Amino acid sequence: MSMFPEANIKHLVHSTSDHCPLLITTIKEEYMNKRETFKFQAWWVFEETFEAKVKRIWDTASGLRRWAIRIGISRRRKKEILTLKLFKLMEAEMTDDNLVELLDTKE
């Protein structure tokens, strides 16, 4: 006989897909590690001190700042490349292949 004979299935919230994600837990909660994980709570933004606290933490998190700068540069480069590609595609002759590539690039 198994120590964990049953599974727990929960339907999770979805936004844009017509599929409903499932969370399947094969270990009973009493056997799971009770360690709490950090989860953002939407109501925090309504607290008076939230914005100042986030700004202070952000300013002191140099690793996070470096990451954000690196990601920002990468996104700007990608945007420049895609914008140039769109410009060239729009100037080119409209063929079926060109139209498909244009729509893919826009997406």
PDB file of N, CA and C in Angstrom:
ATOM      1  N   MET A   1       0.836  -1.190   0.000  1.00  0.00           N
ATOM      2  CA  MET A   1       0.000   0.000   0.000  1.00  0.00           C
ATOM      3  C   MET A   1       0.876   1.247   0.000  1.00  0.00           C
ATOM      4  N   SER A   2       0.544   2.209  -0.859  1.00  0.00           N
ATOM      5  CA  SER A   2       1.326   3.429  -0.994  1.00  0.00           C
ATOM      6  C   SER A   2       1.093   4.353   0.197  1.00  0.00           C
ATOM      7  N   MET A   3       2.134   5.104   0.570  1.00  0.00           N
ATOM      8  CA  MET A   3       2.024   6.072   1.656  1.00  0.00           C
ATOM      9  C   MET A   3       1.144   7.250   1.237  1.00  0.00           C
ATOM     10  N   PHE A   4       1.075   7.548  -0.075  1.00  0.00           N
ATOM     11  CA  PHE A   4       0.308   8.667  -0.613  1.00  0.00           C
ATOM     12  C   PHE A   4      -0.685   8.145  -1.644  1.00  0.00           C
ATOM     13  N   PRO A   5      -1.758   7.516  -1.220  1.00  0.00           N
ATOM     14  CA  PRO A   5      -2.636   6.818  -2.148  1.00  0.00           C
ATOM     15  C   PRO A   5      -3.536   7.701  -3.010  1.00  0.00           C
ATOM     16  N   GLU A   6      -3.697   8.962  -2.716  1.00  0.00           N
ATOM     17  CA  GLU A   6      -4.631   9.754  -3.495  1.00  0.00           C
ATOM     18  C   GLU A   6      -4.001  11.052  -3.975  1.00  0.00           C
ATOM     19  N   ALA A   7      -4.586  11.617  -5.014  1.00  0.00           N
ATOM     20  CA  ALA A   7      -4.106  12.885  -5.564  1.00  0.00           C
ATOM     21  C   ALA A   7      -5.179  13.950  -5.370  1.00  0.00           C
ATOM     22  N   ASN A   8      -4.747  15.193  -5.353  1.00  0.00           N
ATOM     23  CA  ASN A   8      -5.650  16.328  -5.229  1.00  0.00           C
ATOM     24  C   ASN A   8      -5.554  17.120  -6.532  1.00  0.00           C
ATOM     25  N   ILE A   9      -6.680  17.424  -7.159  1.00  0.00           N
ATOM     26  CA  ILE A   9      -6.699  18.157  -8.419  1.00  0.00           C
ATOM     27  C   ILE A   9      -7.465  19.456  -8.215  1.00  0.00           C
ATOM     28  N   LYS A  10      -6.835  20.585  -8.613  1.00  0.00           N
ATOM     29  CA  LYS A  10      -7.483  21.888  -8.504  1.00  0.00           C
ATOM     30  C   LYS A  10      -7.502  22.539  -9.883  1.00  0.00           C
ATOM     31  N   HIS A  11      -8.617  23.172 -10.224  1.00  0.00           N
ATOM     32  CA  HIS A  11      -8.718  23.960 -11.453  1.00  0.00           C
ATOM     33  C   HIS A  11      -8.171  25.347 -11.148  1.00  0.00           C
ATOM     34  N   LEU A  12      -7.200  25.792 -11.936  1.00  0.00           N
ATOM     35  CA  LEU A  12      -6.598  27.100 -11.733  1.00  0.00           C
ATOM     36  C   LEU A  12      -7.260  28.139 -12.629  1.00  0.00           C
ATOM     37  N   VAL A  13      -7.107  29.393 -12.258  1.00  0.00           N
ATOM     38  CA  VAL A  13      -7.681  30.497 -13.010  1.00  0.00           C
ATOM     39  C   VAL A  13      -6.896  30.668 -14.314  1.00  0.00           C
ATOM     40  N   HIS A  14      -7.600  30.955 -15.390  1.00  0.00           N
ATOM     41  CA  HIS A  14      -6.961  31.222 -16.667  1.00  0.00           C
ATOM     42  C   HIS A  14      -7.509  32.519 -17.219  1.00  0.00           C
ATOM     43  N   SER A  15      -6.753  33.143 -18.137  1.00  0.00           N
ATOM     44  CA  SER A  15      -7.213  34.428 -18.644  1.00  0.00           C
ATOM     45  C   SER A  15      -7.555  34.405 -20.121  1.00  0.00           C
ATOM     46  N   THR A  16      -6.606  34.091 -20.980  1.00  0.00           N
ATOM     47  CA  THR A  16      -6.869  34.223 -22.400  1.00  0.00           C
ATOM     48  C   THR A  16      -7.123  32.904 -23.107  1.00  0.00           C
ATOM     49  N   SER A  17      -6.708  31.827 -22.527  1.00  0.00           N
ATOM     50  CA  SER A  17      -6.848  30.528 -23.181  1.00  0.00           C
ATOM     51  C   SER A  17      -8.220  29.930 -22.904  1.00  0.00           C
ATOM     52  N   ASP A  18      -8.657  29.048 -23.808  1.00  0.00           N
ATOM     53  CA  ASP A  18      -9.903  28.336 -23.558  1.00  0.00           C
ATOM     54  C   ASP A  18      -9.641  27.035 -22.813  1.00  0.00           C
ATOM     55  N   HIS A  19      -8.376  26.817 -22.450  1.00  0.00           N
ATOM     56  CA  HIS A  19      -8.007  25.646 -21.659  1.00  0.00           C
ATOM     57  C   HIS A  19      -7.984  26.016 -20.183  1.00  0.00           C
ATOM     58  N   CYS A  20      -8.302  25.081 -19.342  1.00  0.00           N
ATOM     59  CA  CYS A  20      -8.290  25.314 -17.903  1.00  0.00           C
ATOM     60  C   CYS A  20      -7.093  24.573 -17.315  1.00  0.00           C
ATOM     61  N   PRO A  21      -6.096  25.299 -16.780  1.00  0.00           N
ATOM     62  CA  PRO A  21      -4.945  24.609 -16.211  1.00  0.00           C
ATOM     63  C   PRO A  21      -5.325  23.862 -14.933  1.00  0.00           C
ATOM     64  N   LEU A  22      -4.655  22.762 -14.706  1.00  0.00           N
ATOM     65  CA  LEU A  22      -4.890  21.946 -13.524  1.00  0.00           C
ATOM     66  C   LEU A  22      -3.632  21.887 -12.679  1.00  0.00           C
ATOM     67  N   LEU A  23      -3.809  21.875 -11.379  1.00  0.00           N
ATOM     68  CA  LEU A  23      -2.712  21.644 -10.453  1.00  0.00           C
ATOM     69  C   LEU A  23      -2.984  20.302  -9.794  1.00  0.00           C
ATOM     70  N   ILE A  24      -2.093  19.355 -10.062  1.00  0.00           N
ATOM     71  CA  ILE A  24      -2.258  18.014  -9.495  1.00  0.00           C
ATOM     72  C   ILE A  24      -1.213  17.824  -8.410  1.00  0.00           C
ATOM     73  N   THR A  25      -1.680  17.583  -7.206  1.00  0.00           N
ATOM     74  CA  THR A  25      -0.799  17.344  -6.069  1.00  0.00           C
ATOM     75  C   THR A  25      -0.923  15.876  -5.697  1.00  0.00           C
ATOM     76  N   THR A  26       0.198  15.179  -5.736  1.00  0.00           N
ATOM     77  CA  THR A  26       0.168  13.748  -5.453  1.00  0.00           C
ATOM     78  C   THR A  26       0.560  13.431  -4.023  1.00  0.00           C
ATOM     79  N   ILE A  27       0.912  14.456  -3.270  1.00  0.00           N
ATOM     80  CA  ILE A  27       1.285  14.254  -1.871  1.00  0.00           C
ATOM     81  C   ILE A  27       0.258  14.974  -1.007  1.00  0.00           C
ATOM     82  N   LYS A  28      -0.263  14.280  -0.019  1.00  0.00           N
ATOM     83  CA  LYS A  28      -1.230  14.912   0.880  1.00  0.00           C
ATOM     84  C   LYS A  28      -0.580  16.103   1.572  1.00  0.00           C
ATOM     85  N   GLU A  29      -1.389  17.128   1.829  1.00  0.00           N
ATOM     86  CA  GLU A  29      -0.865  18.354   2.416  1.00  0.00           C
ATOM     87  C   GLU A  29      -0.158  18.127   3.741  1.00  0.00           C
ATOM     88  N   GLU A  30      -0.607  17.180   4.534  1.00  0.00           N
ATOM     89  CA  GLU A  30       0.044  16.979   5.829  1.00  0.00           C
ATOM     90  C   GLU A  30       1.459  16.423   5.684  1.00  0.00           C
ATOM     91  N   TYR A  31       1.774  15.869   4.504  1.00  0.00           N
ATOM     92  CA  TYR A  31       3.120  15.357   4.264  1.00  0.00           C
ATOM     93  C   TYR A  31       4.018  16.383   3.569  1.00  0.00           C
ATOM     94  N   MET A  32       3.420  17.440   3.062  1.00  0.00           N
ATOM     95  CA  MET A  32       4.181  18.446   2.324  1.00  0.00           C
ATOM     96  C   MET A  32       4.949  19.337   3.281  1.00  0.00           C
ATOM     97  N   ASN A  33       6.046  19.894   2.778  1.00  0.00           N
ATOM     98  CA  ASN A  33       6.831  20.854   3.534  1.00  0.00           C
ATOM     99  C   ASN A  33       5.969  22.103   3.745  1.00  0.00           C
ATOM    100  N   LYS A  34       5.835  22.535   4.940  1.00  0.00           N
ATOM    101  CA  LYS A  34       4.961  23.663   5.258  1.00  0.00           C
ATOM    102  C   LYS A  34       5.632  25.015   5.047  1.00  0.00           C
ATOM    103  N   ARG A  35       6.822  25.015   4.410  1.00  0.00           N
ATOM    104  CA  ARG A  35       7.543  26.259   4.179  1.00  0.00           C
ATOM    105  C   ARG A  35       6.706  27.181   3.294  1.00  0.00           C
ATOM    106  N   GLU A  36       6.532  28.403   3.714  1.00  0.00           N
ATOM    107  CA  GLU A  36       5.765  29.386   2.952  1.00  0.00           C
ATOM    108  C   GLU A  36       6.606  29.906   1.796  1.00  0.00           C
ATOM    109  N   THR A  37       5.976  30.146   0.673  1.00  0.00           N
ATOM    110  CA  THR A  37       6.651  30.771  -0.449  1.00  0.00           C
ATOM    111  C   THR A  37       6.126  32.188  -0.595  1.00  0.00           C
ATOM    112  N   PHE A  38       6.967  33.063  -1.133  1.00  0.00           N
ATOM    113  CA  PHE A  38       6.567  34.447  -1.317  1.00  0.00           C
ATOM    114  C   PHE A  38       5.584  34.541  -2.471  1.00  0.00           C
ATOM    115  N   LYS A  39       4.479  35.215  -2.249  1.00  0.00           N
ATOM    116  CA  LYS A  39       3.478  35.432  -3.289  1.00  0.00           C
ATOM    117  C   LYS A  39       3.022  36.878  -3.214  1.00  0.00           C
ATOM    118  N   PHE A  40       3.019  37.543  -4.353  1.00  0.00           N
ATOM    119  CA  PHE A  40       2.545  38.916  -4.415  1.00  0.00           C
ATOM    120  C   PHE A  40       1.049  38.952  -4.176  1.00  0.00           C
ATOM    121  N   GLN A  41       0.615  39.878  -3.360  1.00  0.00           N
ATOM    122  CA  GLN A  41      -0.806  40.053  -3.084  1.00  0.00           C
ATOM    123  C   GLN A  41      -1.263  41.371  -3.723  1.00  0.00           C
ATOM    124  N   ALA A  42      -2.269  41.317  -4.571  1.00  0.00           N
ATOM    125  CA  ALA A  42      -2.722  42.497  -5.312  1.00  0.00           C
ATOM    126  C   ALA A  42      -3.146  43.639  -4.385  1.00  0.00           C
ATOM    127  N   TRP A  43      -3.669  43.333  -3.224  1.00  0.00           N
ATOM    128  CA  TRP A  43      -4.151  44.383  -2.317  1.00  0.00           C
ATOM    129  C   TRP A  43      -3.010  45.216  -1.739  1.00  0.00           C
ATOM    130  N   TRP A  44      -1.763  44.746  -1.845  1.00  0.00           N
ATOM    131  CA  TRP A  44      -0.631  45.515  -1.337  1.00  0.00           C
ATOM    132  C   TRP A  44      -0.555  46.898  -1.976  1.00  0.00           C
ATOM    133  N   VAL A  45      -0.937  47.009  -3.254  1.00  0.00           N
ATOM    134  CA  VAL A  45      -0.819  48.292  -3.954  1.00  0.00           C
ATOM    135  C   VAL A  45      -1.731  49.360  -3.359  1.00  0.00           C
ATOM    136  N   PHE A  46      -2.716  48.964  -2.581  1.00  0.00           N
ATOM    137  CA  PHE A  46      -3.612  49.927  -1.953  1.00  0.00           C
ATOM    138  C   PHE A  46      -3.092  50.433  -0.612  1.00  0.00           C
ATOM    139  N   GLU A  47      -2.025  49.850  -0.119  1.00  0.00           N
ATOM    140  CA  GLU A  47      -1.431  50.298   1.143  1.00  0.00           C
ATOM    141  C   GLU A  47      -0.666  51.601   0.907  1.00  0.00           C
ATOM    142  N   GLU A  48      -0.764  52.527   1.823  1.00  0.00           N
ATOM    143  CA  GLU A  48      -0.112  53.832   1.686  1.00  0.00           C
ATOM    144  C   GLU A  48       1.395  53.726   1.500  1.00  0.00           C
ATOM    145  N   THR A  49       2.027  52.797   2.190  1.00  0.00           N
ATOM    146  CA  THR A  49       3.485  52.700   2.178  1.00  0.00           C
ATOM    147  C   THR A  49       4.031  51.843   1.042  1.00  0.00           C
ATOM    148  N   PHE A  50       3.165  51.257   0.246  1.00  0.00           N
ATOM    149  CA  PHE A  50       3.598  50.295  -0.769  1.00  0.00           C
ATOM    150  C   PHE A  50       4.585  50.893  -1.767  1.00  0.00           C
ATOM    151  N   GLU A  51       4.220  52.005  -2.392  1.00  0.00           N
ATOM    152  CA  GLU A  51       5.064  52.577  -3.440  1.00  0.00           C
ATOM    153  C   GLU A  51       6.436  52.972  -2.917  1.00  0.00           C
ATOM    154  N   ALA A  52       6.469  53.630  -1.768  1.00  0.00           N
ATOM    155  CA  ALA A  52       7.751  54.044  -1.195  1.00  0.00           C
ATOM    156  C   ALA A  52       8.611  52.833  -0.831  1.00  0.00           C
ATOM    157  N   LYS A  53       7.982  51.816  -0.309  1.00  0.00           N
ATOM    158  CA  LYS A  53       8.707  50.602   0.076  1.00  0.00           C
ATOM    159  C   LYS A  53       9.305  49.922  -1.146  1.00  0.00           C
ATOM    160  N   VAL A  54       8.515  49.796  -2.201  1.00  0.00           N
ATOM    161  CA  VAL A  54       9.003  49.150  -3.423  1.00  0.00           C
ATOM    162  C   VAL A  54      10.151  49.959  -4.024  1.00  0.00           C
ATOM    163  N   LYS A  55      10.013  51.286  -4.061  1.00  0.00           N
ATOM    164  CA  LYS A  55      11.090  52.136  -4.592  1.00  0.00           C
ATOM    165  C   LYS A  55      12.375  51.957  -3.789  1.00  0.00           C
ATOM    166  N   ARG A  56      12.263  51.920  -2.460  1.00  0.00           N
ATOM    167  CA  ARG A  56      13.448  51.766  -1.615  1.00  0.00           C
ATOM    168  C   ARG A  56      14.113  50.411  -1.853  1.00  0.00           C
ATOM    169  N   ILE A  57      13.318  49.373  -1.919  1.00  0.00           N
ATOM    170  CA  ILE A  57      13.856  48.028  -2.156  1.00  0.00           C
ATOM    171  C   ILE A  57      14.484  47.958  -3.547  1.00  0.00           C
ATOM    172  N   TRP A  58      13.803  48.530  -4.535  1.00  0.00           N
ATOM    173  CA  TRP A  58      14.309  48.514  -5.908  1.00  0.00           C
ATOM    174  C   TRP A  58      15.660  49.240  -5.969  1.00  0.00           C
ATOM    175  N   ASP A  59      15.751  50.408  -5.306  1.00  0.00           N
ATOM    176  CA  ASP A  59      16.993  51.190  -5.331  1.00  0.00           C
ATOM    177  C   ASP A  59      18.153  50.460  -4.665  1.00  0.00           C
ATOM    178  N   THR A  60      17.864  49.611  -3.699  1.00  0.00           N
ATOM    179  CA  THR A  60      18.937  48.909  -2.989  1.00  0.00           C
ATOM    180  C   THR A  60      19.234  47.539  -3.592  1.00  0.00           C
ATOM    181  N   ALA A  61      18.467  47.135  -4.566  1.00  0.00           N
ATOM    182  CA  ALA A  61      18.662  45.816  -5.184  1.00  0.00           C
ATOM    183  C   ALA A  61      19.472  45.973  -6.465  1.00  0.00           C
ATOM    184  N   SER A  62      20.784  46.114  -6.329  1.00  0.00           N
ATOM    185  CA  SER A  62      21.629  46.391  -7.491  1.00  0.00           C
ATOM    186  C   SER A  62      21.587  45.256  -8.504  1.00  0.00           C
ATOM    187  N   GLY A  63      21.496  44.014  -8.065  1.00  0.00           N
ATOM    188  CA  GLY A  63      21.409  42.895  -8.993  1.00  0.00           C
ATOM    189  C   GLY A  63      20.155  42.968  -9.822  1.00  0.00           C
ATOM    190  N   LEU A  64      19.066  43.327  -9.197  1.00  0.00           N
ATOM    191  CA  LEU A  64      17.800  43.465  -9.904  1.00  0.00           C
ATOM    192  C   LEU A  64      17.873  44.633 -10.879  1.00  0.00           C
ATOM    193  N   ARG A  65      18.512  45.698 -10.481  1.00  0.00           N
ATOM    194  CA  ARG A  65      18.659  46.866 -11.349  1.00  0.00           C
ATOM    195  C   ARG A  65      19.471  46.511 -12.597  1.00  0.00           C
ATOM    196  N   ARG A  66      20.587  45.797 -12.401  1.00  0.00           N
ATOM    197  CA  ARG A  66      21.416  45.386 -13.545  1.00  0.00           C
ATOM    198  C   ARG A  66      20.617  44.496 -14.486  1.00  0.00           C
ATOM    199  N   TRP A  67      19.848  43.577 -13.916  1.00  0.00           N
ATOM    200  CA  TRP A  67      19.009  42.700 -14.728  1.00  0.00           C
ATOM    201  C   TRP A  67      17.997  43.516 -15.535  1.00  0.00           C
ATOM    202  N   ALA A  68      17.341  44.461 -14.880  1.00  0.00           N
ATOM    203  CA  ALA A  68      16.322  45.271 -15.547  1.00  0.00           C
ATOM    204  C   ALA A  68      16.932  46.094 -16.680  1.00  0.00           C
ATOM    205  N   ILE A  69      18.118  46.629 -16.469  1.00  0.00           N
ATOM    206  CA  ILE A  69      18.802  47.405 -17.508  1.00  0.00           C
ATOM    207  C   ILE A  69      19.152  46.508 -18.684  1.00  0.00           C
ATOM    208  N   ARG A  70      19.698  45.340 -18.387  1.00  0.00           N
ATOM    209  CA  ARG A  70      20.083  44.396 -19.443  1.00  0.00           C
ATOM    210  C   ARG A  70      18.860  43.960 -20.262  1.00  0.00           C
ATOM    211  N   ILE A  71      17.764  43.659 -19.578  1.00  0.00           N
ATOM    212  CA  ILE A  71      16.536  43.258 -20.263  1.00  0.00           C
ATOM    213  C   ILE A  71      15.985  44.411 -21.100  1.00  0.00           C
ATOM    214  N   GLY A  72      16.029  45.619 -20.552  1.00  0.00           N
ATOM    215  CA  GLY A  72      15.547  46.792 -21.281  1.00  0.00           C
ATOM    216  C   GLY A  72      16.325  47.024 -22.566  1.00  0.00           C
ATOM    217  N   ILE A  73      17.646  46.896 -22.500  1.00  0.00           N
ATOM    218  CA  ILE A  73      18.491  47.060 -23.687  1.00  0.00           C
ATOM    219  C   ILE A  73      18.156  45.989 -24.711  1.00  0.00           C
ATOM    220  N   SER A  74      18.018  44.758 -24.254  1.00  0.00           N
ATOM    221  CA  SER A  74      17.690  43.651 -25.149  1.00  0.00           C
ATOM    222  C   SER A  74      16.349  43.875 -25.843  1.00  0.00           C
ATOM    223  N   ARG A  75      15.354  44.334 -25.094  1.00  0.00           N
ATOM    224  CA  ARG A  75      14.026  44.575 -25.671  1.00  0.00           C
ATOM    225  C   ARG A  75      14.074  45.705 -26.699  1.00  0.00           C
ATOM    226  N   ARG A  76      14.842  46.767 -26.404  1.00  0.00           N
ATOM    227  CA  ARG A  76      14.962  47.875 -27.355  1.00  0.00           C
ATOM    228  C   ARG A  76      15.629  47.409 -28.650  1.00  0.00           C
ATOM    229  N   ARG A  77      16.683  46.580 -28.532  1.00  0.00           N
ATOM    230  CA  ARG A  77      17.354  46.046 -29.731  1.00  0.00           C
ATOM    231  C   ARG A  77      16.393  45.208 -30.559  1.00  0.00           C
ATOM    232  N   LYS A  78      15.638  44.331 -29.891  1.00  0.00           N
ATOM    233  CA  LYS A  78      14.663  43.504 -30.610  1.00  0.00           C
ATOM    234  C   LYS A  78      13.631  44.372 -31.316  1.00  0.00           C
ATOM    235  N   LYS A  79      13.184  45.417 -30.642  1.00  0.00           N
ATOM    236  CA  LYS A  79      12.185  46.309 -31.237  1.00  0.00           C
ATOM    237  C   LYS A  79      12.758  47.006 -32.462  1.00  0.00           C
ATOM    238  N   GLU A  80      14.001  47.475 -32.380  1.00  0.00           N
ATOM    239  CA  GLU A  80      14.634  48.136 -33.514  1.00  0.00           C
ATOM    240  C   GLU A  80      14.761  47.186 -34.706  1.00  0.00           C
ATOM    241  N   ILE A  81      15.184  45.950 -34.440  1.00  0.00           N
ATOM    242  CA  ILE A  81      15.331  44.952 -35.500  1.00  0.00           C
ATOM    243  C   ILE A  81      13.993  44.659 -36.150  1.00  0.00           C
ATOM    244  N   LEU A  82      12.954  44.447 -35.331  1.00  0.00           N
ATOM    245  CA  LEU A  82      11.630  44.143 -35.871  1.00  0.00           C
ATOM    246  C   LEU A  82      11.029  45.334 -36.622  1.00  0.00           C
ATOM    247  N   THR A  83      11.269  46.540 -36.126  1.00  0.00           N
ATOM    248  CA  THR A  83      10.764  47.739 -36.804  1.00  0.00           C
ATOM    249  C   THR A  83      11.410  47.875 -38.173  1.00  0.00           C
ATOM    250  N   LEU A  84      12.719  47.657 -38.254  1.00  0.00           N
ATOM    251  CA  LEU A  84      13.418  47.723 -39.539  1.00  0.00           C
ATOM    252  C   LEU A  84      12.898  46.636 -40.486  1.00  0.00           C
ATOM    253  N   LYS A  85      12.695  45.434 -39.953  1.00  0.00           N
ATOM    254  CA  LYS A  85      12.175  44.343 -40.770  1.00  0.00           C
ATOM    255  C   LYS A  85      10.783  44.689 -41.299  1.00  0.00           C
ATOM    256  N   LEU A  86       9.919  45.247 -40.438  1.00  0.00           N
ATOM    257  CA  LEU A  86       8.578  45.652 -40.868  1.00  0.00           C
ATOM    258  C   LEU A  86       8.646  46.696 -41.978  1.00  0.00           C
ATOM    259  N   PHE A  87       9.533  47.653 -41.812  1.00  0.00           N
ATOM    260  CA  PHE A  87       9.682  48.711 -42.808  1.00  0.00           C
ATOM    261  C   PHE A  87      10.056  48.122 -44.166  1.00  0.00           C
ATOM    262  N   LYS A  88      11.021  47.196 -44.164  1.00  0.00           N
ATOM    263  CA  LYS A  88      11.452  46.555 -45.412  1.00  0.00           C
ATOM    264  C   LYS A  88      10.331  45.711 -46.025  1.00  0.00           C
ATOM    265  N   LEU A  89       9.606  44.991 -45.186  1.00  0.00           N
ATOM    266  CA  LEU A  89       8.515  44.159 -45.686  1.00  0.00           C
ATOM    267  C   LEU A  89       7.390  45.000 -46.279  1.00  0.00           C
ATOM    268  N   MET A  90       7.118  46.152 -45.677  1.00  0.00           N
ATOM    269  CA  MET A  90       6.048  47.007 -46.167  1.00  0.00           C
ATOM    270  C   MET A  90       6.429  47.670 -47.489  1.00  0.00           C
ATOM    271  N   GLU A  91       7.727  47.884 -47.710  1.00  0.00           N
ATOM    272  CA  GLU A  91       8.178  48.472 -48.968  1.00  0.00           C
ATOM    273  C   GLU A  91       8.279  47.440 -50.079  1.00  0.00           C
ATOM    274  N   ALA A  92       8.400  46.159 -49.718  1.00  0.00           N
ATOM    275  CA  ALA A  92       8.575  45.100 -50.702  1.00  0.00           C
ATOM    276  C   ALA A  92       7.264  44.791 -51.401  1.00  0.00           C
ATOM    277  N   GLU A  93       7.382  44.068 -52.509  1.00  0.00           N
ATOM    278  CA  GLU A  93       6.208  43.645 -53.255  1.00  0.00           C
ATOM    279  C   GLU A  93       5.354  42.720 -52.385  1.00  0.00           C
ATOM    280  N   MET A  94       4.038  42.902 -52.413  1.00  0.00           N
ATOM    281  CA  MET A  94       3.140  42.084 -51.596  1.00  0.00           C
ATOM    282  C   MET A  94       2.870  40.735 -52.260  1.00  0.00           C
ATOM    283  N   THR A  95       3.560  39.741 -51.770  1.00  0.00           N
ATOM    284  CA  THR A  95       3.311  38.371 -52.200  1.00  0.00           C
ATOM    285  C   THR A  95       2.694  37.630 -51.026  1.00  0.00           C
ATOM    286  N   ASP A  96       2.215  36.432 -51.265  1.00  0.00           N
ATOM    287  CA  ASP A  96       1.644  35.643 -50.166  1.00  0.00           C
ATOM    288  C   ASP A  96       2.684  35.397 -49.074  1.00  0.00           C
ATOM    289  N   ASP A  97       3.897  35.026 -49.492  1.00  0.00           N
ATOM    290  CA  ASP A  97       4.961  34.767 -48.513  1.00  0.00           C
ATOM    291  C   ASP A  97       5.323  36.030 -47.744  1.00  0.00           C
ATOM    292  N   ASN A  98       5.395  37.145 -48.476  1.00  0.00           N
ATOM    293  CA  ASN A  98       5.724  38.416 -47.848  1.00  0.00           C
ATOM    294  C   ASN A  98       4.653  38.811 -46.839  1.00  0.00           C
ATOM    295  N   LEU A  99       3.398  38.620 -47.208  1.00  0.00           N
ATOM    296  CA  LEU A  99       2.290  38.960 -46.313  1.00  0.00           C
ATOM    297  C   LEU A  99       2.328  38.121 -45.043  1.00  0.00           C
ATOM    298  N   VAL A 100       2.606  36.821 -45.183  1.00  0.00           N
ATOM    299  CA  VAL A 100       2.697  35.940 -44.019  1.00  0.00           C
ATOM    300  C   VAL A 100       3.831  36.399 -43.113  1.00  0.00           C
ATOM    301  N   GLU A 101       4.984  36.726 -43.711  1.00  0.00           N
ATOM    302  CA  GLU A 101       6.118  37.179 -42.899  1.00  0.00           C
ATOM    303  C   GLU A 101       5.815  38.521 -42.230  1.00  0.00           C
ATOM    304  N   LEU A 102       5.121  39.394 -42.938  1.00  0.00           N
ATOM    305  CA  LEU A 102       4.721  40.676 -42.370  1.00  0.00           C
ATOM    306  C   LEU A 102       3.824  40.495 -41.158  1.00  0.00           C
ATOM    307  N   LEU A 103       2.827  39.621 -41.281  1.00  0.00           N
ATOM    308  CA  LEU A 103       1.909  39.371 -40.156  1.00  0.00           C
ATOM    309  C   LEU A 103       2.651  38.714 -38.986  1.00  0.00           C
ATOM    310  N   ASP A 104       3.538  37.778 -39.281  1.00  0.00           N
ATOM    311  CA  ASP A 104       4.318  37.137 -38.212  1.00  0.00           C
ATOM    312  C   ASP A 104       5.201  38.159 -37.500  1.00  0.00           C
ATOM    313  N   THR A 105       5.798  39.049 -38.247  1.00  0.00           N
ATOM    314  CA  THR A 105       6.673  40.072 -37.655  1.00  0.00           C
ATOM    315  C   THR A 105       5.863  41.032 -36.791  1.00  0.00           C
ATOM    316  N   LYS A 106       4.687  41.414 -37.273  1.00  0.00           N
ATOM    317  CA  LYS A 106       3.829  42.300 -36.473  1.00  0.00           C
ATOM    318  C   LYS A 106       3.431  41.638 -35.155  1.00  0.00           C
ATOM    319  N   GLU A 107       3.139  40.357 -35.259  1.00  0.00           N
ATOM    320  CA  GLU A 107       2.738  39.635 -34.047  1.00  0.00           C
ATOM    321  C   GLU A 107       3.878  39.596 -33.053  1.00  0.00           C
TER     322      GLU A 107
END
